Amino acid sequence: MRIGVKTKEPVEKSAASTFHKYYCIEEYVMRMGRKGLGKVAVFVDAVTKDDWKLQVSVMTILNRRSNASVKAKVNALVNEIIKEKAGSLTHNEFVKATMAGVFQMKIKKAASKIYPVRFTEITKIETLKSA
């Protein structure tokens, strides 16, 4: 995983930076999928408590191929969880929780009640609008 930051001009002996994006390396993401597994990719536009607008990409790998209705339910669930959690956290807390795997485990646990989930990963967070 990589984190992109934009550095501002240094003031005296210190420099400030702002969060720009977070993403998983493509090889890591490609390694998750295998033949015969279902894949649900979700793109969510979420607004944090401190008014940052983020685009979050989540990939969920199901144990087997599944029909469209199951994928639609998992998609809606992921959308709901990300928007709810982003609205209750600041952007800094949201990124830290993503790095710790908090959202991935919540999504996997909740989605497994709909259909068995093998793996869930937040593959990208991109800043659309900062506060």
N, C-alpha and C. Protein backbone atom coordinates (compact mmCIF):
# COMPACT_ATOMS: atom_id res chain seq x y z
N MET A 1 0.83 -1.17 0.00
CA MET A 1 0.00 0.00 0.00
C MET A 1 0.88 1.24 0.00
N ARG A 2 0.36 2.27 -0.59
CA ARG A 2 1.10 3.52 -0.68
C ARG A 2 0.21 4.67 -0.26
N ILE A 3 0.82 5.70 0.26
CA ILE A 3 0.08 6.89 0.64
C ILE A 3 0.69 8.07 -0.11
N GLY A 4 -0.16 8.86 -0.74
CA GLY A 4 0.30 10.05 -1.43
C GLY A 4 -0.03 11.27 -0.61
N VAL A 5 0.93 12.16 -0.43
CA VAL A 5 0.70 13.40 0.29
C VAL A 5 1.22 14.55 -0.54
N LYS A 6 0.59 15.69 -0.39
CA LYS A 6 1.06 16.90 -1.04
C LYS A 6 1.72 17.77 0.02
N THR A 7 2.98 18.14 -0.21
CA THR A 7 3.72 18.94 0.74
C THR A 7 3.58 20.41 0.41
N LYS A 8 3.32 21.20 1.43
CA LYS A 8 3.23 22.64 1.26
C LYS A 8 4.61 23.24 1.39
N GLU A 9 4.73 24.50 1.09
CA GLU A 9 6.02 25.19 1.22
C GLU A 9 6.48 25.18 2.67
N PRO A 10 7.78 24.94 2.90
CA PRO A 10 8.28 24.92 4.28
C PRO A 10 8.26 26.32 4.90
N VAL A 11 7.88 26.36 6.17
CA VAL A 11 7.90 27.60 6.94
C VAL A 11 8.96 27.42 8.00
N GLU A 12 10.00 28.23 7.92
CA GLU A 12 11.17 28.13 8.78
C GLU A 12 11.76 26.72 8.68
N LYS A 13 11.67 25.91 9.75
CA LYS A 13 12.28 24.58 9.71
C LYS A 13 11.28 23.45 9.68
N SER A 14 10.02 23.74 9.38
CA SER A 14 9.03 22.67 9.34
C SER A 14 8.22 22.77 8.06
N ALA A 15 7.71 21.63 7.63
CA ALA A 15 6.87 21.58 6.43
C ALA A 15 5.59 20.83 6.77
N ALA A 16 4.49 21.30 6.26
CA ALA A 16 3.21 20.64 6.49
C ALA A 16 2.82 19.86 5.23
N SER A 17 2.10 18.78 5.41
CA SER A 17 1.62 18.00 4.27
C SER A 17 0.17 17.65 4.49
N THR A 18 -0.55 17.44 3.41
CA THR A 18 -1.96 17.05 3.49
C THR A 18 -2.15 15.72 2.78
N PHE A 19 -3.11 14.96 3.25
CA PHE A 19 -3.42 13.66 2.67
C PHE A 19 -4.01 13.87 1.28
N HIS A 20 -3.51 13.12 0.30
CA HIS A 20 -4.00 13.23 -1.07
C HIS A 20 -4.69 11.93 -1.49
N LYS A 21 -3.98 10.79 -1.33
CA LYS A 21 -4.60 9.51 -1.69
C LYS A 21 -3.87 8.35 -1.02
N TYR A 22 -4.58 7.24 -0.98
CA TYR A 22 -4.06 5.97 -0.46
C TYR A 22 -4.46 4.91 -1.46
N TYR A 23 -3.57 4.02 -1.81
CA TYR A 23 -3.94 2.95 -2.73
C TYR A 23 -3.09 1.71 -2.49
N CYS A 24 -3.66 0.57 -2.84
CA CYS A 24 -2.94 -0.70 -2.75
C CYS A 24 -2.19 -0.92 -4.05
N ILE A 25 -1.06 -1.57 -3.97
CA ILE A 25 -0.27 -1.89 -5.15
C ILE A 25 -1.06 -2.88 -6.01
N GLU A 26 -1.01 -2.70 -7.32
CA GLU A 26 -1.82 -3.49 -8.24
C GLU A 26 -1.56 -4.99 -8.13
N GLU A 27 -0.32 -5.40 -7.89
CA GLU A 27 0.00 -6.82 -7.77
C GLU A 27 -0.71 -7.44 -6.57
N TYR A 28 -0.81 -6.69 -5.49
CA TYR A 28 -1.50 -7.16 -4.29
C TYR A 28 -2.98 -7.36 -4.57
N VAL A 29 -3.58 -6.43 -5.28
CA VAL A 29 -5.01 -6.51 -5.60
C VAL A 29 -5.27 -7.67 -6.57
N MET A 30 -4.43 -7.84 -7.57
CA MET A 30 -4.61 -8.90 -8.55
C MET A 30 -4.46 -10.29 -7.92
N ARG A 31 -3.65 -10.39 -6.89
CA ARG A 31 -3.41 -11.68 -6.24
C ARG A 31 -4.65 -12.18 -5.49
N MET A 32 -5.55 -11.25 -5.13
CA MET A 32 -6.75 -11.64 -4.38
C MET A 32 -7.72 -12.47 -5.21
N GLY A 33 -7.89 -12.11 -6.47
CA GLY A 33 -8.87 -12.78 -7.32
C GLY A 33 -8.34 -14.06 -7.92
N ARG A 34 -9.21 -15.06 -8.00
CA ARG A 34 -8.86 -16.33 -8.63
C ARG A 34 -10.05 -16.79 -9.46
N LYS A 35 -9.81 -17.75 -10.31
CA LYS A 35 -10.87 -18.31 -11.14
C LYS A 35 -11.94 -18.97 -10.27
N GLY A 36 -13.19 -18.71 -10.59
CA GLY A 36 -14.29 -19.33 -9.88
C GLY A 36 -14.78 -18.55 -8.66
N LEU A 37 -14.18 -17.40 -8.38
CA LEU A 37 -14.61 -16.59 -7.25
C LEU A 37 -15.44 -15.41 -7.74
N GLY A 38 -16.35 -14.95 -6.92
CA GLY A 38 -17.14 -13.77 -7.25
C GLY A 38 -16.42 -12.51 -6.79
N LYS A 39 -16.60 -11.44 -7.52
CA LYS A 39 -15.93 -10.19 -7.18
C LYS A 39 -16.95 -9.05 -7.21
N VAL A 40 -16.95 -8.25 -6.14
CA VAL A 40 -17.82 -7.08 -6.07
C VAL A 40 -16.92 -5.87 -5.86
N ALA A 41 -16.89 -4.97 -6.85
CA ALA A 41 -16.12 -3.74 -6.74
C ALA A 41 -17.09 -2.58 -6.53
N VAL A 42 -16.84 -1.79 -5.50
CA VAL A 42 -17.73 -0.70 -5.13
C VAL A 42 -16.93 0.60 -5.07
N PHE A 43 -17.50 1.66 -5.63
CA PHE A 43 -16.91 2.99 -5.56
C PHE A 43 -17.89 3.88 -4.81
N VAL A 44 -17.46 4.41 -3.68
CA VAL A 44 -18.33 5.18 -2.80
C VAL A 44 -17.79 6.59 -2.65
N ASP A 45 -18.65 7.59 -2.85
CA ASP A 45 -18.29 8.98 -2.54
C ASP A 45 -18.78 9.26 -1.13
N ALA A 46 -17.86 9.47 -0.20
CA ALA A 46 -18.21 9.66 1.20
C ALA A 46 -17.74 11.02 1.68
N VAL A 47 -18.49 11.60 2.62
CA VAL A 47 -18.12 12.88 3.22
C VAL A 47 -17.84 12.64 4.69
N THR A 48 -16.66 13.09 5.15
CA THR A 48 -16.27 12.88 6.54
C THR A 48 -16.86 13.95 7.44
N LYS A 49 -16.68 13.77 8.73
CA LYS A 49 -17.22 14.70 9.72
C LYS A 49 -16.62 16.10 9.57
N ASP A 50 -15.36 16.17 9.16
CA ASP A 50 -14.72 17.48 8.99
C ASP A 50 -14.83 17.99 7.54
N ASP A 51 -15.81 17.47 6.81
CA ASP A 51 -16.21 17.96 5.48
C ASP A 51 -15.19 17.70 4.36
N TRP A 52 -14.44 16.63 4.45
CA TRP A 52 -13.60 16.20 3.33
C TRP A 52 -14.45 15.26 2.48
N LYS A 53 -14.37 15.40 1.17
CA LYS A 53 -15.09 14.49 0.28
C LYS A 53 -14.07 13.49 -0.28
N LEU A 54 -14.32 12.21 -0.04
CA LEU A 54 -13.39 11.15 -0.44
C LEU A 54 -14.09 10.17 -1.37
N GLN A 55 -13.34 9.64 -2.32
CA GLN A 55 -13.83 8.53 -3.14
C GLN A 55 -13.12 7.28 -2.65
N VAL A 56 -13.91 6.31 -2.19
CA VAL A 56 -13.37 5.09 -1.60
C VAL A 56 -13.70 3.92 -2.52
N SER A 57 -12.68 3.14 -2.89
CA SER A 57 -12.88 1.95 -3.71
C SER A 57 -12.70 0.71 -2.84
N VAL A 58 -13.72 -0.14 -2.83
CA VAL A 58 -13.68 -1.35 -2.00
C VAL A 58 -13.87 -2.56 -2.91
N MET A 59 -13.03 -3.57 -2.71
CA MET A 59 -13.17 -4.81 -3.46
C MET A 59 -13.45 -5.94 -2.49
N THR A 60 -14.53 -6.66 -2.75
CA THR A 60 -14.92 -7.80 -1.93
C THR A 60 -14.90 -9.05 -2.80
N ILE A 61 -14.19 -10.06 -2.34
CA ILE A 61 -14.10 -11.33 -3.06
C ILE A 61 -14.99 -12.34 -2.33
N LEU A 62 -15.94 -12.92 -3.08
CA LEU A 62 -16.86 -13.92 -2.54
C LEU A 62 -16.29 -15.32 -2.76
N ASN A 63 -16.72 -16.28 -1.97
CA ASN A 63 -16.16 -17.64 -2.05
C ASN A 63 -16.43 -18.34 -3.37
N ARG A 64 -17.57 -18.05 -3.98
CA ARG A 64 -17.91 -18.63 -5.27
C ARG A 64 -18.58 -17.58 -6.12
N ARG A 65 -18.77 -17.91 -7.38
CA ARG A 65 -19.53 -17.00 -8.23
C ARG A 65 -20.96 -16.94 -7.71
N SER A 66 -21.54 -15.77 -7.83
CA SER A 66 -22.90 -15.62 -7.33
C SER A 66 -23.74 -14.83 -8.32
N ASN A 67 -25.04 -14.82 -8.10
CA ASN A 67 -25.92 -14.11 -9.02
C ASN A 67 -25.92 -12.61 -8.74
N ALA A 68 -26.57 -11.86 -9.60
CA ALA A 68 -26.56 -10.40 -9.54
C ALA A 68 -27.25 -9.86 -8.30
N SER A 69 -28.28 -10.55 -7.81
CA SER A 69 -28.99 -10.05 -6.64
C SER A 69 -28.12 -10.09 -5.39
N VAL A 70 -27.30 -11.13 -5.25
CA VAL A 70 -26.38 -11.22 -4.11
C VAL A 70 -25.34 -10.11 -4.20
N LYS A 71 -24.79 -9.91 -5.40
CA LYS A 71 -23.80 -8.85 -5.57
C LYS A 71 -24.39 -7.48 -5.30
N ALA A 72 -25.64 -7.27 -5.69
CA ALA A 72 -26.30 -5.98 -5.44
C ALA A 72 -26.50 -5.75 -3.94
N LYS A 73 -26.84 -6.80 -3.20
CA LYS A 73 -27.01 -6.67 -1.74
C LYS A 73 -25.68 -6.35 -1.06
N VAL A 74 -24.61 -7.04 -1.48
CA VAL A 74 -23.29 -6.78 -0.92
C VAL A 74 -22.85 -5.35 -1.26
N ASN A 75 -23.09 -4.93 -2.49
CA ASN A 75 -22.76 -3.58 -2.94
C ASN A 75 -23.46 -2.54 -2.07
N ALA A 76 -24.75 -2.71 -1.84
CA ALA A 76 -25.52 -1.77 -1.03
C ALA A 76 -25.03 -1.75 0.42
N LEU A 77 -24.68 -2.92 0.95
CA LEU A 77 -24.19 -3.01 2.32
C LEU A 77 -22.86 -2.27 2.48
N VAL A 78 -21.94 -2.49 1.54
CA VAL A 78 -20.64 -1.81 1.58
C VAL A 78 -20.84 -0.30 1.49
N ASN A 79 -21.70 0.14 0.59
CA ASN A 79 -22.01 1.56 0.43
C ASN A 79 -22.49 2.15 1.75
N GLU A 80 -23.41 1.46 2.39
CA GLU A 80 -24.00 1.93 3.65
C GLU A 80 -22.95 2.03 4.76
N ILE A 81 -22.12 1.00 4.90
CA ILE A 81 -21.12 0.97 5.96
C ILE A 81 -20.10 2.08 5.78
N ILE A 82 -19.59 2.25 4.57
CA ILE A 82 -18.57 3.28 4.32
C ILE A 82 -19.13 4.67 4.57
N LYS A 83 -20.33 4.97 4.06
CA LYS A 83 -20.91 6.30 4.24
C LYS A 83 -21.21 6.59 5.71
N GLU A 84 -21.70 5.57 6.42
CA GLU A 84 -22.01 5.74 7.84
C GLU A 84 -20.75 6.01 8.66
N LYS A 85 -19.72 5.22 8.44
CA LYS A 85 -18.49 5.37 9.21
C LYS A 85 -17.73 6.65 8.84
N ALA A 86 -17.73 7.01 7.58
CA ALA A 86 -17.05 8.23 7.15
C ALA A 86 -17.72 9.46 7.75
N GLY A 87 -19.05 9.42 7.85
CA GLY A 87 -19.78 10.56 8.40
C GLY A 87 -19.53 10.76 9.89
N SER A 88 -19.08 9.73 10.57
CA SER A 88 -18.87 9.83 12.01
C SER A 88 -17.40 10.05 12.39
N LEU A 89 -16.49 10.04 11.42
CA LEU A 89 -15.06 10.19 11.68
C LEU A 89 -14.48 11.37 10.90
N THR A 90 -13.36 11.90 11.38
CA THR A 90 -12.63 12.89 10.60
C THR A 90 -11.83 12.16 9.53
N HIS A 91 -11.31 12.89 8.55
CA HIS A 91 -10.57 12.21 7.48
C HIS A 91 -9.33 11.52 8.02
N ASN A 92 -8.68 12.11 9.00
CA ASN A 92 -7.48 11.51 9.59
C ASN A 92 -7.82 10.20 10.29
N GLU A 93 -8.89 10.18 11.07
CA GLU A 93 -9.33 8.96 11.75
C GLU A 93 -9.77 7.90 10.75
N PHE A 94 -10.44 8.33 9.68
CA PHE A 94 -10.90 7.40 8.65
C PHE A 94 -9.73 6.68 7.99
N VAL A 95 -8.69 7.43 7.63
CA VAL A 95 -7.51 6.83 6.99
C VAL A 95 -6.79 5.89 7.96
N LYS A 96 -6.66 6.30 9.20
CA LYS A 96 -6.00 5.44 10.20
C LYS A 96 -6.78 4.14 10.42
N ALA A 97 -8.11 4.23 10.46
CA ALA A 97 -8.92 3.03 10.64
C ALA A 97 -8.82 2.11 9.43
N THR A 98 -8.71 2.70 8.24
CA THR A 98 -8.52 1.90 7.03
C THR A 98 -7.20 1.14 7.07
N MET A 99 -6.15 1.84 7.49
CA MET A 99 -4.83 1.21 7.58
C MET A 99 -4.81 0.08 8.61
N ALA A 100 -5.58 0.23 9.66
CA ALA A 100 -5.65 -0.78 10.72
C ALA A 100 -6.54 -1.96 10.34
N GLY A 101 -7.34 -1.82 9.27
CA GLY A 101 -8.19 -2.91 8.82
C GLY A 101 -9.53 -2.97 9.52
N VAL A 102 -9.93 -1.90 10.19
CA VAL A 102 -11.19 -1.89 10.93
C VAL A 102 -12.39 -2.04 10.00
N PHE A 103 -12.45 -1.24 8.93
CA PHE A 103 -13.58 -1.28 8.01
C PHE A 103 -13.63 -2.59 7.24
N GLN A 104 -12.46 -3.09 6.87
CA GLN A 104 -12.42 -4.34 6.12
C GLN A 104 -13.05 -5.47 6.92
N MET A 105 -12.75 -5.54 8.22
CA MET A 105 -13.31 -6.60 9.05
C MET A 105 -14.82 -6.41 9.26
N LYS A 106 -15.27 -5.16 9.43
CA LYS A 106 -16.70 -4.91 9.60
C LYS A 106 -17.47 -5.29 8.34
N ILE A 107 -16.92 -4.93 7.19
CA ILE A 107 -17.58 -5.26 5.91
C ILE A 107 -17.62 -6.77 5.72
N LYS A 108 -16.51 -7.44 5.99
CA LYS A 108 -16.45 -8.89 5.80
C LYS A 108 -17.45 -9.60 6.72
N LYS A 109 -17.52 -9.17 7.97
CA LYS A 109 -18.43 -9.80 8.93
C LYS A 109 -19.89 -9.58 8.53
N ALA A 110 -20.23 -8.35 8.13
CA ALA A 110 -21.62 -8.05 7.77
C ALA A 110 -22.01 -8.70 6.45
N ALA A 111 -21.12 -8.69 5.47
CA ALA A 111 -21.42 -9.26 4.15
C ALA A 111 -21.46 -10.79 4.20
N SER A 112 -20.77 -11.40 5.13
CA SER A 112 -20.78 -12.87 5.25
C SER A 112 -22.15 -13.39 5.66
N LYS A 113 -22.99 -12.52 6.21
CA LYS A 113 -24.36 -12.93 6.55
C LYS A 113 -25.21 -13.04 5.30
N ILE A 114 -24.83 -12.32 4.25
CA ILE A 114 -25.53 -12.39 2.97
C ILE A 114 -25.00 -13.54 2.13
N TYR A 115 -23.66 -13.62 2.02
CA TYR A 115 -23.00 -14.64 1.21
C TYR A 115 -21.58 -14.81 1.76
N PRO A 116 -21.00 -16.01 1.78
CA PRO A 116 -19.66 -16.18 2.34
C PRO A 116 -18.61 -15.32 1.63
N VAL A 117 -17.88 -14.54 2.41
CA VAL A 117 -16.87 -13.62 1.87
C VAL A 117 -15.49 -14.16 2.19
N ARG A 118 -14.65 -14.20 1.18
CA ARG A 118 -13.28 -14.67 1.35
C ARG A 118 -12.36 -13.54 1.78
N PHE A 119 -12.53 -12.36 1.16
CA PHE A 119 -11.57 -11.28 1.37
C PHE A 119 -12.21 -9.94 1.07
N THR A 120 -11.88 -8.93 1.83
CA THR A 120 -12.35 -7.56 1.57
C THR A 120 -11.17 -6.61 1.74
N GLU A 121 -11.02 -5.69 0.83
CA GLU A 121 -9.92 -4.72 0.91
C GLU A 121 -10.38 -3.38 0.38
N ILE A 122 -9.98 -2.32 1.08
CA ILE A 122 -10.18 -0.97 0.56
C ILE A 122 -8.97 -0.69 -0.31
N THR A 123 -9.19 -0.68 -1.63
CA THR A 123 -8.07 -0.61 -2.56
C THR A 123 -7.60 0.82 -2.83
N LYS A 124 -8.49 1.80 -2.63
CA LYS A 124 -8.08 3.17 -2.92
C LYS A 124 -8.95 4.16 -2.16
N ILE A 125 -8.32 5.22 -1.65
CA ILE A 125 -9.03 6.37 -1.10
C ILE A 125 -8.42 7.59 -1.75
N GLU A 126 -9.25 8.37 -2.38
CA GLU A 126 -8.76 9.56 -3.09
C GLU A 126 -9.52 10.79 -2.60
N THR A 127 -8.82 11.88 -2.37
CA THR A 127 -9.43 13.11 -1.92
C THR A 127 -10.03 13.85 -3.10
N LEU A 128 -11.35 14.08 -3.06
CA LEU A 128 -12.01 14.86 -4.09
C LEU A 128 -12.09 16.33 -3.70
N LYS A 129 -12.33 16.58 -2.40
CA LYS A 129 -12.40 17.96 -1.90
C LYS A 129 -11.93 17.97 -0.47
N SER A 130 -10.96 18.81 -0.16
CA SER A 130 -10.49 18.93 1.22
C SER A 130 -11.20 20.08 1.91
N ALA A 131 -11.18 20.05 3.22
CA ALA A 131 -11.88 21.08 4.00
C ALA A 131 -11.17 22.40 3.97
